[in-house]
Each structure stands twice: as C-alpha cells, then as structure tokens.
Amino acid sequence: MFDTSLSGNLAYARIYLDTARQGNWPGAINRFFASMNHHNVPKRGFVFLGIGNAILCYFTSLNNLVTFTGVIIVVICLLIATSALIHRYKNQSAARPFRMPISGRFHLLSPSPV
C-alpha cells in the first residue's frame, strides 16, 4: 500500500510540475511548483501532496481512503473520456493521428477488432 501511494504522489507531483512549467497556474503558484531538487524530484509538489495525504490519513479510516481513491480514479477517467468526446464533437475537422479499428456493425460490443 505504501509503495502505491508513493508512486501516485510522485506522479501527481509531476503533474503539478508540468502544469507550472506550462504556466497554467497564477504566477506565484507557477514559481512554487516549478522547482525541482538536485535528484530531479519536484520537491514542493511532493511535499504539498505529502502534507495533504498525512492530513487525510490522520482524520479518516483506511476504508474511507480506499473508497475515496477508487471514486477519484473513476471520476478522473470519466472526465477524460467526456473531454475526448466533447473535443471530437466540437472539432470534427481536427487531425486524428489514430483511428479505432471498426469490426462490423456493433464495433463497440465486439471483443476484438478484425
């Protein structure tokens, strides 16, 4: 359980780092999250997430944390799928570097593409 949460924190800290490098946050927050240490670890993002996780672990039970994590993963996947569909609908003329193979009339129900 510990190694999973550690790798998740490193991944989310990198997300904060990349969004800060792209300038998606206000100026002070960009400067805060854009710093890395000499081992190329986004130190401030990692500490920020670590403090948040420590607070969650202190005030909630393990069962609630596991449930919360599962719900968050599902919500993130749904948001990604919804944004892809909205982008596909609004930008129909955009370049598509990959096309899903279609296998017959009911291609969404098909177990494997043909």
C-alpha atoms as a PDB file:
ATOM      1  CA  MET A   1       0.000   0.000   0.000  1.00  0.00           C
ATOM      2  CA  PHE A   2       2.840   2.371   0.846  1.00  0.00           C
ATOM      3  CA  ASP A   3       4.647   1.935  -2.470  1.00  0.00           C
ATOM      4  CA  THR A   4       1.432   2.530  -4.410  1.00  0.00           C
ATOM      5  CA  SER A   5       0.749   5.782  -2.597  1.00  0.00           C
ATOM      6  CA  LEU A   6       4.378   6.866  -3.025  1.00  0.00           C
ATOM      7  CA  SER A   7       4.317   6.274  -6.775  1.00  0.00           C
ATOM      8  CA  GLY A   8       0.950   8.043  -7.000  1.00  0.00           C
ATOM      9  CA  ASN A   9       2.354  11.041  -5.157  1.00  0.00           C
ATOM     10  CA  LEU A  10       5.357  11.171  -7.464  1.00  0.00           C
ATOM     11  CA  ALA A  11       3.069  11.049 -10.489  1.00  0.00           C
ATOM     12  CA  TYR A  12       0.783  13.796  -9.215  1.00  0.00           C
ATOM     13  CA  ALA A  13       3.761  15.902  -8.173  1.00  0.00           C
ATOM     14  CA  ARG A  14       4.999  15.654 -11.770  1.00  0.00           C
ATOM     15  CA  ILE A  15       1.565  16.790 -12.974  1.00  0.00           C
ATOM     16  CA  TYR A  16       1.843  19.881 -10.769  1.00  0.00           C
ATOM     17  CA  LEU A  17       5.371  20.439 -12.091  1.00  0.00           C
ATOM     18  CA  ASP A  18       4.320  20.188 -15.744  1.00  0.00           C
ATOM     19  CA  THR A  19       1.300  22.443 -15.336  1.00  0.00           C
ATOM     20  CA  ALA A  20       3.501  25.001 -13.574  1.00  0.00           C
ATOM     21  CA  ARG A  21       6.087  24.848 -16.365  1.00  0.00           C
ATOM     22  CA  GLN A  22       3.346  25.457 -18.926  1.00  0.00           C
ATOM     23  CA  GLY A  23       2.118  28.472 -16.968  1.00  0.00           C
ATOM     24  CA  ASN A  24      -1.355  27.140 -16.170  1.00  0.00           C
ATOM     25  CA  TRP A  25      -1.338  28.473 -12.595  1.00  0.00           C
ATOM     26  CA  PRO A  26      -1.087  32.080 -11.380  1.00  0.00           C
ATOM     27  CA  GLY A  27       2.497  33.421 -11.298  1.00  0.00           C
ATOM     28  CA  ALA A  28       3.357  32.744  -7.657  1.00  0.00           C
ATOM     29  CA  ILE A  29       1.966  29.206  -7.794  1.00  0.00           C
ATOM     30  CA  ASN A  30       3.864  28.530 -11.036  1.00  0.00           C
ATOM     31  CA  ARG A  31       7.121  29.533  -9.370  1.00  0.00           C
ATOM     32  CA  PHE A  32       6.258  27.444  -6.279  1.00  0.00           C
ATOM     33  CA  PHE A  33       5.519  24.188  -8.131  1.00  0.00           C
ATOM     34  CA  ALA A  34       8.121  24.566 -10.914  1.00  0.00           C
ATOM     35  CA  SER A  35      11.142  23.918  -8.690  1.00  0.00           C
ATOM     36  CA  MET A  36      12.994  20.607  -8.571  1.00  0.00           C
ATOM     37  CA  ASN A  37      15.783  19.337  -6.322  1.00  0.00           C
ATOM     38  CA  HIS A  38      19.173  18.008  -7.445  1.00  0.00           C
ATOM     39  CA  HIS A  39      17.687  14.486  -7.938  1.00  0.00           C
ATOM     40  CA  ASN A  40      15.095  15.860 -10.410  1.00  0.00           C
ATOM     41  CA  VAL A  41      12.211  15.348  -7.989  1.00  0.00           C
ATOM     42  CA  PRO A  42       9.511  18.050  -7.887  1.00  0.00           C
ATOM     43  CA  LYS A  43      10.148  18.777  -4.222  1.00  0.00           C
ATOM     44  CA  ARG A  44       7.437  21.297  -3.432  1.00  0.00           C
ATOM     45  CA  GLY A  45       4.696  19.395  -5.239  1.00  0.00           C
ATOM     46  CA  PHE A  46       5.734  16.208  -3.447  1.00  0.00           C
ATOM     47  CA  VAL A  47       5.743  17.929  -0.039  1.00  0.00           C
ATOM     48  CA  PHE A  48       2.383  19.572  -0.802  1.00  0.00           C
ATOM     49  CA  LEU A  49       0.821  16.205  -1.643  1.00  0.00           C
ATOM     50  CA  GLY A  50       2.524  14.523   1.310  1.00  0.00           C
ATOM     51  CA  ILE A  51       1.065  17.019   3.758  1.00  0.00           C
ATOM     52  CA  GLY A  52      -2.378  16.600   2.211  1.00  0.00           C
ATOM     53  CA  ASN A  53      -2.115  12.811   2.407  1.00  0.00           C
ATOM     54  CA  ALA A  54      -0.912  12.948   6.007  1.00  0.00           C
ATOM     55  CA  ILE A  55      -3.930  15.051   6.959  1.00  0.00           C
ATOM     56  CA  LEU A  56      -6.273  12.622   5.182  1.00  0.00           C
ATOM     57  CA  CYS A  57      -4.642   9.610   6.877  1.00  0.00           C
ATOM     58  CA  TYR A  58      -4.910  11.224  10.296  1.00  0.00           C
ATOM     59  CA  PHE A  59      -8.573  12.177  10.072  1.00  0.00           C
ATOM     60  CA  THR A  60     -10.078   9.253   8.126  1.00  0.00           C
ATOM     61  CA  SER A  61     -10.088   5.475   8.256  1.00  0.00           C
ATOM     62  CA  LEU A  62      -8.324   3.215   5.764  1.00  0.00           C
ATOM     63  CA  ASN A  63     -11.655   2.009   4.384  1.00  0.00           C
ATOM     64  CA  ASN A  64     -12.735   5.569   3.608  1.00  0.00           C
ATOM     65  CA  LEU A  65      -9.382   6.339   1.961  1.00  0.00           C
ATOM     66  CA  VAL A  66      -9.589   3.278  -0.286  1.00  0.00           C
ATOM     67  CA  THR A  67     -13.157   4.146  -1.257  1.00  0.00           C
ATOM     68  CA  PHE A  68     -12.231   7.775  -1.867  1.00  0.00           C
ATOM     69  CA  THR A  69      -9.273   6.762  -4.041  1.00  0.00           C
ATOM     70  CA  GLY A  70     -11.466   4.456  -6.124  1.00  0.00           C
ATOM     71  CA  VAL A  71     -14.078   7.155  -6.615  1.00  0.00           C
ATOM     72  CA  ILE A  72     -11.444   9.718  -7.610  1.00  0.00           C
ATOM     73  CA  ILE A  73      -9.932   7.329 -10.181  1.00  0.00           C
ATOM     74  CA  VAL A  74     -13.359   6.684 -11.716  1.00  0.00           C
ATOM     75  CA  VAL A  75     -14.183  10.405 -11.809  1.00  0.00           C
ATOM     76  CA  ILE A  76     -10.854  11.223 -13.479  1.00  0.00           C
ATOM     77  CA  CYS A  77     -11.394   8.522 -16.121  1.00  0.00           C
ATOM     78  CA  LEU A  78     -14.930   9.768 -16.782  1.00  0.00           C
ATOM     79  CA  LEU A  79     -13.709  13.356 -17.134  1.00  0.00           C
ATOM     80  CA  ILE A  80     -11.002  12.289 -19.587  1.00  0.00           C
ATOM     81  CA  ALA A  81     -13.487  10.291 -21.678  1.00  0.00           C
ATOM     82  CA  THR A  82     -16.040  13.111 -21.598  1.00  0.00           C
ATOM     83  CA  SER A  83     -13.465  15.700 -22.636  1.00  0.00           C
ATOM     84  CA  ALA A  84     -12.334  13.468 -25.522  1.00  0.00           C
ATOM     85  CA  LEU A  85     -15.915  13.098 -26.729  1.00  0.00           C
ATOM     86  CA  ILE A  86     -16.592  16.834 -26.433  1.00  0.00           C
ATOM     87  CA  HIS A  87     -13.367  17.611 -28.305  1.00  0.00           C
ATOM     88  CA  ARG A  88     -14.318  15.118 -31.020  1.00  0.00           C
ATOM     89  CA  TYR A  89     -17.780  16.686 -31.352  1.00  0.00           C
ATOM     90  CA  LYS A  90     -16.664  20.331 -31.340  1.00  0.00           C
ATOM     91  CA  ASN A  91     -13.547  19.889 -33.511  1.00  0.00           C
ATOM     92  CA  GLN A  92     -14.715  17.467 -36.163  1.00  0.00           C
ATOM     93  CA  SER A  93     -12.187  18.688 -38.705  1.00  0.00           C
ATOM     94  CA  ALA A  94      -9.161  18.272 -36.386  1.00  0.00           C
ATOM     95  CA  ALA A  95      -6.386  15.884 -37.402  1.00  0.00           C
ATOM     96  CA  ARG A  96      -6.806  12.421 -35.913  1.00  0.00           C
ATOM     97  CA  PRO A  97      -3.440  10.654 -35.518  1.00  0.00           C
ATOM     98  CA  PHE A  98      -5.113   7.371 -34.512  1.00  0.00           C
ATOM     99  CA  ARG A  99      -8.368   5.774 -35.580  1.00  0.00           C
ATOM    100  CA  MET A 100     -10.073   2.943 -33.760  1.00  0.00           C
ATOM    101  CA  PRO A 101     -10.412  -0.162 -35.918  1.00  0.00           C
ATOM    102  CA  ILE A 102     -14.039  -0.995 -36.647  1.00  0.00           C
ATOM    103  CA  SER A 103     -15.112  -4.617 -36.731  1.00  0.00           C
ATOM    104  CA  GLY A 104     -18.606  -4.925 -38.098  1.00  0.00           C
ATOM    105  CA  ARG A 105     -21.879  -3.289 -37.274  1.00  0.00           C
ATOM    106  CA  PHE A 106     -21.602  -3.429 -33.477  1.00  0.00           C
ATOM    107  CA  HIS A 107     -17.961  -2.479 -33.163  1.00  0.00           C
ATOM    108  CA  LEU A 108     -18.327  -1.200 -29.577  1.00  0.00           C
ATOM    109  CA  LEU A 109     -19.638  -4.573 -28.424  1.00  0.00           C
ATOM    110  CA  SER A 110     -17.077  -6.592 -30.337  1.00  0.00           C
ATOM    111  CA  PRO A 111     -14.447  -8.267 -28.088  1.00  0.00           C
ATOM    112  CA  SER A 112     -11.620  -7.799 -30.582  1.00  0.00           C
ATOM    113  CA  PRO A 113     -11.069  -5.708 -33.698  1.00  0.00           C
ATOM    114  CA  VAL A 114     -10.994  -7.541 -37.008  1.00  0.00           C
END
